[in-house]
Amino acid sequence: MKFSGWPEKGDLVVGEVDEIADFGVFVELEEYQDKRGLVHVSEVAAGWIKNIRDHASTGERVVAKVLDIDESSQQIDLSLKDVNDHQRSDKIQEWKNERKADNWMTIAFGEDVSDEQYSGVATELLAEFGSMYDGFEQAAIHGDEALEDVDLTDEEVEAVVEAARDNVSVPYVNVTGYVDLECGAADGVDAIREALQAAEGNGEVPEEVDLSVTYVGSPEYRIKVQAPDYKTAERELETAAERAADEIATIGGEGEYHRDRRTDDE
């Protein structure tokens, strides 16, 4: 996605050198529609420059700092010398990440996604997460929960999460499910406590998996699983619920697993 607006003074921008003159270097901005900036020769590199072409090449991708903007004359003044190696590396990685996210948007909504829908979803992800890439990454890690506060339709949330889970590489993923535990026996409280201990694994949970059970509201308990991948996480989530249900059933109680939280009127 290319922004239709303008960068701001002080921003770092990615561009491609498309023309070199004795007085400076022209840079086509990669992140903005139809925007071109000029790096004056004095801003190309520190010190005296004998030959500007020793410091810039046509077709070279660069990171520049925005020094000034004059929208009325369509002029953007840039600096290359004010960008250090660390800033350059971080900005290039950020730009690459957003290009990936742009591709994931196409995967999520199709090649024929309308400009209106693309812009709407992108704007919401940017507002909530700071970048589309971070939005997809959080959707890959946390699923629907990551997008609870984002103003998207259910269909859009589903599309983003599905594309994220299929394409984003993350160090771990989180999944959540619920189990209802009920027991009318005299020692029902103790039975539920033992069922919860069973859900937590009693030492049976794999080392790379983090599993916790918390009380939501009678008779509902939340099971959270963090694992290296979704297959493992989903398996451990369902297994934990099964352990709880099997344990409470031994004294006549009942356990029911469900993926979404119950509402008060259900």
C-alpha atoms as a PDB file:
ATOM      1  CA  MET A   1       0.000   0.000   0.000  1.00  0.00           C
ATOM      2  CA  LYS A   2       1.242   3.475  -0.873  1.00  0.00           C
ATOM      3  CA  PHE A   3       0.018   6.442   1.120  1.00  0.00           C
ATOM      4  CA  SER A   4      -1.802   9.133  -0.821  1.00  0.00           C
ATOM      5  CA  GLY A   5      -0.722  11.892   1.553  1.00  0.00           C
ATOM      6  CA  TRP A   6       2.625  13.383   2.457  1.00  0.00           C
ATOM      7  CA  PRO A   7       5.366  12.345   4.868  1.00  0.00           C
ATOM      8  CA  GLU A   8       6.079  14.612   7.811  1.00  0.00           C
ATOM      9  CA  LYS A   9       9.203  16.601   8.587  1.00  0.00           C
ATOM     10  CA  GLY A  10      11.633  14.360  10.459  1.00  0.00           C
ATOM     11  CA  ASP A  11      10.221  11.101   9.041  1.00  0.00           C
ATOM     12  CA  LEU A  12      12.487   8.437   7.624  1.00  0.00           C
ATOM     13  CA  VAL A  13      11.385   7.329   4.151  1.00  0.00           C
ATOM     14  CA  VAL A  14      12.429   4.577   1.758  1.00  0.00           C
ATOM     15  CA  GLY A  15      13.055   5.516  -1.844  1.00  0.00           C
ATOM     16  CA  GLU A  16      14.818   4.644  -5.063  1.00  0.00           C
ATOM     17  CA  VAL A  17      17.334   6.927  -6.710  1.00  0.00           C
ATOM     18  CA  ASP A  18      15.928   7.679 -10.163  1.00  0.00           C
ATOM     19  CA  GLU A  19      18.061  10.630 -11.285  1.00  0.00           C
ATOM     20  CA  ILE A  20      21.435  12.120 -10.370  1.00  0.00           C
ATOM     21  CA  ALA A  21      22.467  15.686 -11.152  1.00  0.00           C
ATOM     22  CA  ASP A  22      25.508  17.721 -10.151  1.00  0.00           C
ATOM     23  CA  PHE A  23      23.422  19.602  -7.582  1.00  0.00           C
ATOM     24  CA  GLY A  24      21.744  16.569  -5.989  1.00  0.00           C
ATOM     25  CA  VAL A  25      19.944  13.249  -6.128  1.00  0.00           C
ATOM     26  CA  PHE A  26      16.268  12.724  -6.968  1.00  0.00           C
ATOM     27  CA  VAL A  27      14.535   9.964  -5.026  1.00  0.00           C
ATOM     28  CA  GLU A  28      11.207   8.320  -5.860  1.00  0.00           C
ATOM     29  CA  LEU A  29       9.477   7.558  -2.557  1.00  0.00           C
ATOM     30  CA  GLU A  30       8.406   3.915  -2.246  1.00  0.00           C
ATOM     31  CA  GLU A  31       5.778   4.464   0.438  1.00  0.00           C
ATOM     32  CA  TYR A  32       3.904   7.413  -1.081  1.00  0.00           C
ATOM     33  CA  GLN A  33       1.911   7.781  -4.270  1.00  0.00           C
ATOM     34  CA  ASP A  34       3.547  10.014  -6.882  1.00  0.00           C
ATOM     35  CA  LYS A  35       5.960  11.594  -4.424  1.00  0.00           C
ATOM     36  CA  ARG A  36       9.546  12.468  -5.314  1.00  0.00           C
ATOM     37  CA  GLY A  37      12.182  14.113  -3.154  1.00  0.00           C
ATOM     38  CA  LEU A  38      15.506  15.865  -3.687  1.00  0.00           C
ATOM     39  CA  VAL A  39      18.678  15.251  -1.741  1.00  0.00           C
ATOM     40  CA  HIS A  40      20.829  18.336  -2.230  1.00  0.00           C
ATOM     41  CA  VAL A  41      24.500  17.553  -2.796  1.00  0.00           C
ATOM     42  CA  SER A  42      25.280  18.967   0.640  1.00  0.00           C
ATOM     43  CA  GLU A  43      22.959  16.331   2.201  1.00  0.00           C
ATOM     44  CA  VAL A  44      24.253  13.311   0.285  1.00  0.00           C
ATOM     45  CA  ALA A  45      27.239  12.571   2.524  1.00  0.00           C
ATOM     46  CA  ALA A  46      29.317  14.215   5.246  1.00  0.00           C
ATOM     47  CA  GLY A  47      32.321  16.237   4.116  1.00  0.00           C
ATOM     48  CA  TRP A  48      33.264  17.604   0.738  1.00  0.00           C
ATOM     49  CA  ILE A  49      31.939  15.681  -2.273  1.00  0.00           C
ATOM     50  CA  LYS A  50      34.109  15.657  -5.379  1.00  0.00           C
ATOM     51  CA  ASN A  51      31.866  13.405  -7.469  1.00  0.00           C
ATOM     52  CA  ILE A  52      28.283  12.881  -6.366  1.00  0.00           C
ATOM     53  CA  ARG A  53      28.130   9.611  -8.310  1.00  0.00           C
ATOM     54  CA  ASP A  54      30.664   8.120  -5.924  1.00  0.00           C
ATOM     55  CA  HIS A  55      27.975   8.331  -3.241  1.00  0.00           C
ATOM     56  CA  ALA A  56      24.758   7.445  -5.079  1.00  0.00           C
ATOM     57  CA  SER A  57      23.724   5.234  -7.992  1.00  0.00           C
ATOM     58  CA  THR A  58      20.606   5.236 -10.162  1.00  0.00           C
ATOM     59  CA  GLY A  59      18.293   2.435  -9.044  1.00  0.00           C
ATOM     60  CA  GLU A  60      19.805   2.302  -5.566  1.00  0.00           C
ATOM     61  CA  ARG A  61      17.365   1.909  -2.681  1.00  0.00           C
ATOM     62  CA  VAL A  62      18.026   4.435   0.059  1.00  0.00           C
ATOM     63  CA  VAL A  63      16.650   5.602   3.386  1.00  0.00           C
ATOM     64  CA  ALA A  64      16.392   9.373   3.726  1.00  0.00           C
ATOM     65  CA  LYS A  65      15.275  11.823   6.384  1.00  0.00           C
ATOM     66  CA  VAL A  66      12.629  14.401   5.481  1.00  0.00           C
ATOM     67  CA  LEU A  67      14.071  17.871   6.066  1.00  0.00           C
ATOM     68  CA  ASP A  68      11.277  20.033   4.706  1.00  0.00           C
ATOM     69  CA  ILE A  69       8.054  19.834   2.697  1.00  0.00           C
ATOM     70  CA  ASP A  70       6.444  22.422   0.452  1.00  0.00           C
ATOM     71  CA  GLU A  71       3.145  20.957  -0.768  1.00  0.00           C
ATOM     72  CA  SER A  72       2.329  23.988  -2.896  1.00  0.00           C
ATOM     73  CA  SER A  73       5.419  23.429  -5.030  1.00  0.00           C
ATOM     74  CA  GLN A  74       5.319  19.626  -4.627  1.00  0.00           C
ATOM     75  CA  GLN A  75       8.809  19.713  -3.137  1.00  0.00           C
ATOM     76  CA  ILE A  76      10.287  17.365  -0.543  1.00  0.00           C
ATOM     77  CA  ASP A  77      13.799  18.052   0.729  1.00  0.00           C
ATOM     78  CA  LEU A  78      15.659  14.976   1.925  1.00  0.00           C
ATOM     79  CA  SER A  79      18.933  14.063   3.606  1.00  0.00           C
ATOM     80  CA  LEU A  80      20.953  10.882   3.292  1.00  0.00           C
ATOM     81  CA  LYS A  81      23.791  11.891   5.586  1.00  0.00           C
ATOM     82  CA  ASP A  82      21.447  12.371   8.574  1.00  0.00           C
ATOM     83  CA  VAL A  83      20.516   8.671   8.599  1.00  0.00           C
ATOM     84  CA  ASN A  84      22.818   6.321  10.524  1.00  0.00           C
ATOM     85  CA  ASP A  85      23.320   2.625   9.834  1.00  0.00           C
ATOM     86  CA  HIS A  86      21.016   1.500  12.627  1.00  0.00           C
ATOM     87  CA  GLN A  87      18.180   3.752  11.459  1.00  0.00           C
ATOM     88  CA  ARG A  88      18.687   2.622   7.881  1.00  0.00           C
ATOM     89  CA  SER A  89      18.521  -1.063   8.812  1.00  0.00           C
ATOM     90  CA  ASP A  90      15.418  -0.640  10.988  1.00  0.00           C
ATOM     91  CA  LYS A  91      13.575   1.407   8.379  1.00  0.00           C
ATOM     92  CA  ILE A  92      14.325  -1.042   5.576  1.00  0.00           C
ATOM     93  CA  GLN A  93      13.052  -3.899   7.745  1.00  0.00           C
ATOM     94  CA  GLU A  94       9.904  -1.927   8.587  1.00  0.00           C
ATOM     95  CA  TRP A  95       9.328  -1.257   4.890  1.00  0.00           C
ATOM     96  CA  LYS A  96       9.838  -4.927   4.002  1.00  0.00           C
ATOM     97  CA  ASN A  97       7.394  -5.925   6.744  1.00  0.00           C
ATOM     98  CA  GLU A  98       4.725  -3.602   5.378  1.00  0.00           C
ATOM     99  CA  ARG A  99       5.222  -5.052   1.898  1.00  0.00           C
ATOM    100  CA  LYS A 100       4.574  -8.487   3.391  1.00  0.00           C
ATOM    101  CA  ALA A 101       1.470  -7.163   5.102  1.00  0.00           C
ATOM    102  CA  ASP A 102       0.303  -5.688   1.808  1.00  0.00           C
ATOM    103  CA  ASN A 103       0.548  -9.169   0.304  1.00  0.00           C
ATOM    104  CA  TRP A 104      -1.331 -10.682   3.254  1.00  0.00           C
ATOM    105  CA  MET A 105      -4.135  -8.172   2.679  1.00  0.00           C
ATOM    106  CA  THR A 106      -4.467  -9.484  -0.863  1.00  0.00           C
ATOM    107  CA  ILE A 107      -4.501 -13.050   0.452  1.00  0.00           C
ATOM    108  CA  ALA A 108      -7.138 -12.153   3.031  1.00  0.00           C
ATOM    109  CA  PHE A 109      -9.500 -10.216   0.754  1.00  0.00           C
ATOM    110  CA  GLY A 110      -8.574 -11.318  -2.758  1.00  0.00           C
ATOM    111  CA  GLU A 111      -6.902  -9.695  -5.730  1.00  0.00           C
ATOM    112  CA  ASP A 112     -10.063  -7.716  -6.486  1.00  0.00           C
ATOM    113  CA  VAL A 113     -10.375  -6.170  -3.010  1.00  0.00           C
ATOM    114  CA  SER A 114     -11.850  -2.693  -3.360  1.00  0.00           C
ATOM    115  CA  ASP A 115      -9.776   0.356  -2.512  1.00  0.00           C
ATOM    116  CA  GLU A 116     -12.438   1.308   0.033  1.00  0.00           C
ATOM    117  CA  GLN A 117     -12.264  -1.988   1.909  1.00  0.00           C
ATOM    118  CA  TYR A 118      -8.474  -2.162   1.738  1.00  0.00           C
ATOM    119  CA  SER A 119      -8.146   1.386   3.047  1.00  0.00           C
ATOM    120  CA  GLY A 120     -10.710   0.776   5.780  1.00  0.00           C
ATOM    121  CA  VAL A 121      -9.052  -2.367   7.115  1.00  0.00           C
ATOM    122  CA  ALA A 122      -5.553  -0.919   6.778  1.00  0.00           C
ATOM    123  CA  THR A 123      -6.549   2.255   8.625  1.00  0.00           C
ATOM    124  CA  GLU A 124      -8.018   0.262  11.515  1.00  0.00           C
ATOM    125  CA  LEU A 125      -4.916  -1.935  11.828  1.00  0.00           C
ATOM    126  CA  LEU A 126      -2.633   1.092  11.693  1.00  0.00           C
ATOM    127  CA  ALA A 127      -4.671   2.905  14.346  1.00  0.00           C
ATOM    128  CA  GLU A 128      -4.691  -0.055  16.737  1.00  0.00           C
ATOM    129  CA  PHE A 129      -1.250  -1.583  16.184  1.00  0.00           C
ATOM    130  CA  GLY A 130       0.888   1.103  14.530  1.00  0.00           C
ATOM    131  CA  SER A 131       1.399  -0.952  11.363  1.00  0.00           C
ATOM    132  CA  MET A 132      -0.454  -3.504   9.283  1.00  0.00           C
ATOM    133  CA  TYR A 133       2.361  -5.991   9.876  1.00  0.00           C
ATOM    134  CA  ASP A 134       1.995  -5.780  13.658  1.00  0.00           C
ATOM    135  CA  GLY A 135      -1.751  -6.185  13.286  1.00  0.00           C
ATOM    136  CA  PHE A 136      -1.362  -9.399  11.313  1.00  0.00           C
ATOM    137  CA  GLU A 137       1.308 -10.641  13.726  1.00  0.00           C
ATOM    138  CA  GLN A 138      -0.955 -10.091  16.728  1.00  0.00           C
ATOM    139  CA  ALA A 139      -3.815 -11.806  14.879  1.00  0.00           C
ATOM    140  CA  ALA A 140      -1.531 -14.784  14.241  1.00  0.00           C
ATOM    141  CA  ILE A 141      -0.553 -14.982  17.909  1.00  0.00           C
ATOM    142  CA  HIS A 142      -3.859 -14.207  19.630  1.00  0.00           C
ATOM    143  CA  GLY A 143      -6.505 -14.903  16.970  1.00  0.00           C
ATOM    144  CA  ASP A 144      -9.849 -13.082  17.146  1.00  0.00           C
ATOM    145  CA  GLU A 145      -9.028 -11.687  20.597  1.00  0.00           C
ATOM    146  CA  ALA A 146      -6.325  -9.462  19.108  1.00  0.00           C
ATOM    147  CA  LEU A 147      -8.935  -7.688  16.992  1.00  0.00           C
ATOM    148  CA  GLU A 148     -11.654  -7.237  19.621  1.00  0.00           C
ATOM    149  CA  ASP A 149     -11.125  -3.476  19.787  1.00  0.00           C
ATOM    150  CA  VAL A 150     -10.650  -3.006  16.049  1.00  0.00           C
ATOM    151  CA  ASP A 151     -13.651  -1.684  14.126  1.00  0.00           C
ATOM    152  CA  LEU A 152     -13.910  -4.490  11.561  1.00  0.00           C
ATOM    153  CA  THR A 153     -16.807  -6.723  10.572  1.00  0.00           C
ATOM    154  CA  ASP A 154     -16.837 -10.350  11.741  1.00  0.00           C
ATOM    155  CA  GLU A 155     -16.064 -11.412   8.178  1.00  0.00           C
ATOM    156  CA  GLU A 156     -13.078  -9.061   7.986  1.00  0.00           C
ATOM    157  CA  VAL A 157     -11.745 -10.277  11.333  1.00  0.00           C
ATOM    158  CA  GLU A 158     -12.062 -13.883  10.168  1.00  0.00           C
ATOM    159  CA  ALA A 159     -10.250 -13.093   6.918  1.00  0.00           C
ATOM    160  CA  VAL A 160      -7.381 -11.310   8.678  1.00  0.00           C
ATOM    161  CA  VAL A 161      -6.954 -14.073  11.262  1.00  0.00           C
ATOM    162  CA  GLU A 162      -7.033 -16.839   8.659  1.00  0.00           C
ATOM    163  CA  ALA A 163      -4.472 -15.090   6.449  1.00  0.00           C
ATOM    164  CA  ALA A 164      -2.297 -14.348   9.480  1.00  0.00           C
ATOM    165  CA  ARG A 165      -2.348 -17.915  10.772  1.00  0.00           C
ATOM    166  CA  ASP A 166      -1.469 -19.283   7.336  1.00  0.00           C
ATOM    167  CA  ASN A 167       1.307 -16.821   6.514  1.00  0.00           C
ATOM    168  CA  VAL A 168       2.826 -15.103   9.571  1.00  0.00           C
ATOM    169  CA  SER A 169       5.743 -16.773  11.315  1.00  0.00           C
ATOM    170  CA  VAL A 170       5.546 -16.150  15.063  1.00  0.00           C
ATOM    171  CA  PRO A 171       7.569 -17.523  17.992  1.00  0.00           C
ATOM    172  CA  TYR A 172       4.444 -18.794  19.729  1.00  0.00           C
ATOM    173  CA  VAL A 173       0.653 -18.725  19.511  1.00  0.00           C
ATOM    174  CA  ASN A 174      -2.117 -18.343  22.087  1.00  0.00           C
ATOM    175  CA  VAL A 175      -5.499 -20.055  22.063  1.00  0.00           C
ATOM    176  CA  THR A 176      -8.353 -19.883  24.555  1.00  0.00           C
ATOM    177  CA  GLY A 177     -11.251 -22.188  25.346  1.00  0.00           C
ATOM    178  CA  TYR A 178     -13.740 -22.731  28.152  1.00  0.00           C
ATOM    179  CA  VAL A 179     -15.003 -25.643  30.189  1.00  0.00           C
ATOM    180  CA  ASP A 180     -18.179 -25.696  32.307  1.00  0.00           C
ATOM    181  CA  LEU A 181     -17.841 -27.848  35.437  1.00  0.00           C
ATOM    182  CA  GLU A 182     -20.837 -28.761  37.588  1.00  0.00           C
ATOM    183  CA  CYS A 183     -21.184 -31.199  40.433  1.00  0.00           C
ATOM    184  CA  GLY A 184     -24.132 -31.504  42.838  1.00  0.00           C
ATOM    185  CA  ALA A 185     -22.415 -33.906  45.231  1.00  0.00           C
ATOM    186  CA  ALA A 186     -21.683 -32.907  48.828  1.00  0.00           C
ATOM    187  CA  ASP A 187     -17.990 -32.708  48.049  1.00  0.00           C
ATOM    188  CA  GLY A 188     -18.612 -30.945  44.738  1.00  0.00           C
ATOM    189  CA  VAL A 189     -16.244 -28.065  45.509  1.00  0.00           C
ATOM    190  CA  ASP A 190     -13.385 -30.479  46.080  1.00  0.00           C
ATOM    191  CA  ALA A 191     -14.327 -32.368  42.918  1.00  0.00           C
ATOM    192  CA  ILE A 192     -14.169 -29.202  40.847  1.00  0.00           C
ATOM    193  CA  ARG A 193     -10.800 -28.305  42.388  1.00  0.00           C
ATOM    194  CA  GLU A 194      -9.451 -31.721  41.404  1.00  0.00           C
ATOM    195  CA  ALA A 195     -10.919 -31.358  37.916  1.00  0.00           C
ATOM    196  CA  LEU A 196      -9.101 -28.039  37.490  1.00  0.00           C
ATOM    197  CA  GLN A 197      -5.848 -29.609  38.628  1.00  0.00           C
ATOM    198  CA  ALA A 198      -6.416 -32.328  36.054  1.00  0.00           C
ATOM    199  CA  ALA A 199      -7.015 -29.707  33.382  1.00  0.00           C
ATOM    200  CA  GLU A 200      -3.682 -28.101  34.220  1.00  0.00           C
ATOM    201  CA  GLY A 201      -2.036 -31.411  33.460  1.00  0.00           C
ATOM    202  CA  ASN A 202      -0.595 -32.737  36.703  1.00  0.00           C
ATOM    203  CA  GLY A 203       2.817 -32.668  35.018  1.00  0.00           C
ATOM    204  CA  GLU A 204       1.581 -34.103  31.703  1.00  0.00           C
ATOM    205  CA  VAL A 205       1.759 -30.887  29.685  1.00  0.00           C
ATOM    206  CA  PRO A 206       4.725 -30.734  27.259  1.00  0.00           C
ATOM    207  CA  GLU A 207       7.602 -28.500  28.371  1.00  0.00           C
ATOM    208  CA  GLU A 208       7.196 -26.101  25.419  1.00  0.00           C
ATOM    209  CA  VAL A 209       3.520 -25.502  26.312  1.00  0.00           C
ATOM    210  CA  ASP A 210       2.262 -23.000  28.888  1.00  0.00           C
ATOM    211  CA  LEU A 211      -1.255 -23.837  30.115  1.00  0.00           C
ATOM    212  CA  SER A 212      -3.343 -22.037  32.727  1.00  0.00           C
ATOM    213  CA  VAL A 213      -6.927 -22.319  34.013  1.00  0.00           C
ATOM    214  CA  THR A 214      -8.802 -19.393  35.564  1.00  0.00           C
ATOM    215  CA  TYR A 215     -12.279 -18.881  36.993  1.00  0.00           C
ATOM    216  CA  VAL A 216     -14.689 -16.858  34.849  1.00  0.00           C
ATOM    217  CA  GLY A 217     -18.044 -17.224  36.567  1.00  0.00           C
ATOM    218  CA  SER A 218     -19.878 -20.299  37.806  1.00  0.00           C
ATOM    219  CA  PRO A 219     -19.793 -22.832  36.204  1.00  0.00           C
ATOM    220  CA  GLU A 220     -17.334 -21.527  33.598  1.00  0.00           C
ATOM    221  CA  TYR A 221     -13.525 -21.737  33.604  1.00  0.00           C
ATOM    222  CA  ARG A 222     -11.123 -20.331  31.027  1.00  0.00           C
ATOM    223  CA  ILE A 223      -8.253 -22.423  29.663  1.00  0.00           C
ATOM    224  CA  LYS A 224      -5.384 -20.540  28.025  1.00  0.00           C
ATOM    225  CA  VAL A 225      -2.651 -22.301  26.087  1.00  0.00           C
ATOM    226  CA  GLN A 226       0.562 -20.861  24.680  1.00  0.00           C
ATOM    227  CA  ALA A 227       2.427 -23.164  22.296  1.00  0.00           C
ATOM    228  CA  PRO A 228       4.886 -23.059  19.368  1.00  0.00           C
ATOM    229  CA  ASP A 229       2.159 -23.689  16.780  1.00  0.00           C
ATOM    230  CA  TYR A 230      -1.614 -23.888  16.408  1.00  0.00           C
ATOM    231  CA  LYS A 231      -1.787 -27.642  15.972  1.00  0.00           C
ATOM    232  CA  THR A 232      -0.082 -28.183  19.317  1.00  0.00           C
ATOM    233  CA  ALA A 233      -2.042 -25.410  21.029  1.00  0.00           C
ATOM    234  CA  GLU A 234      -5.435 -26.668  19.864  1.00  0.00           C
ATOM    235  CA  ARG A 235      -4.579 -30.248  20.827  1.00  0.00           C
ATOM    236  CA  GLU A 236      -3.454 -29.259  24.329  1.00  0.00           C
ATOM    237  CA  LEU A 237      -6.507 -27.041  24.802  1.00  0.00           C
ATOM    238  CA  GLU A 238      -8.953 -29.822  23.977  1.00  0.00           C
ATOM    239  CA  THR A 239      -6.971 -32.362  25.991  1.00  0.00           C
ATOM    240  CA  ALA A 240      -7.026 -30.114  29.057  1.00  0.00           C
ATOM    241  CA  ALA A 241     -10.810 -29.762  28.824  1.00  0.00           C
ATOM    242  CA  GLU A 242     -11.177 -33.526  28.407  1.00  0.00           C
ATOM    243  CA  ARG A 243      -9.060 -34.166  31.513  1.00  0.00           C
ATOM    244  CA  ALA A 244     -11.281 -31.858  33.562  1.00  0.00           C
ATOM    245  CA  ALA A 245     -14.508 -33.417  32.252  1.00  0.00           C
ATOM    246  CA  ASP A 246     -13.254 -36.963  32.831  1.00  0.00           C
ATOM    247  CA  GLU A 247     -12.149 -36.153  36.381  1.00  0.00           C
ATOM    248  CA  ILE A 248     -15.429 -34.595  37.491  1.00  0.00           C
ATOM    249  CA  ALA A 249     -17.423 -37.383  35.813  1.00  0.00           C
ATOM    250  CA  THR A 250     -15.874 -39.915  38.212  1.00  0.00           C
ATOM    251  CA  ILE A 251     -18.155 -38.657  40.981  1.00  0.00           C
ATOM    252  CA  GLY A 252     -21.207 -37.916  38.893  1.00  0.00           C
ATOM    253  CA  GLY A 253     -20.459 -34.355  37.830  1.00  0.00           C
ATOM    254  CA  GLU A 254     -20.537 -32.951  34.313  1.00  0.00           C
ATOM    255  CA  GLY A 255     -17.998 -31.115  32.198  1.00  0.00           C
ATOM    256  CA  GLU A 256     -18.648 -29.423  28.864  1.00  0.00           C
ATOM    257  CA  TYR A 257     -16.003 -27.842  26.604  1.00  0.00           C
ATOM    258  CA  HIS A 258     -16.815 -24.846  24.408  1.00  0.00           C
ATOM    259  CA  ARG A 259     -14.573 -22.549  22.435  1.00  0.00           C
ATOM    260  CA  ASP A 260     -16.341 -19.227  23.020  1.00  0.00           C
ATOM    261  CA  ARG A 261     -17.319 -17.640  26.292  1.00  0.00           C
ATOM    262  CA  ARG A 262     -20.965 -18.010  27.270  1.00  0.00           C
ATOM    263  CA  THR A 263     -23.061 -14.863  27.500  1.00  0.00           C
ATOM    264  CA  ASP A 264     -25.196 -14.232  30.575  1.00  0.00           C
ATOM    265  CA  ASP A 265     -28.444 -14.998  28.757  1.00  0.00           C
ATOM    266  CA  GLU A 266     -27.298 -18.291  27.242  1.00  0.00           C
END
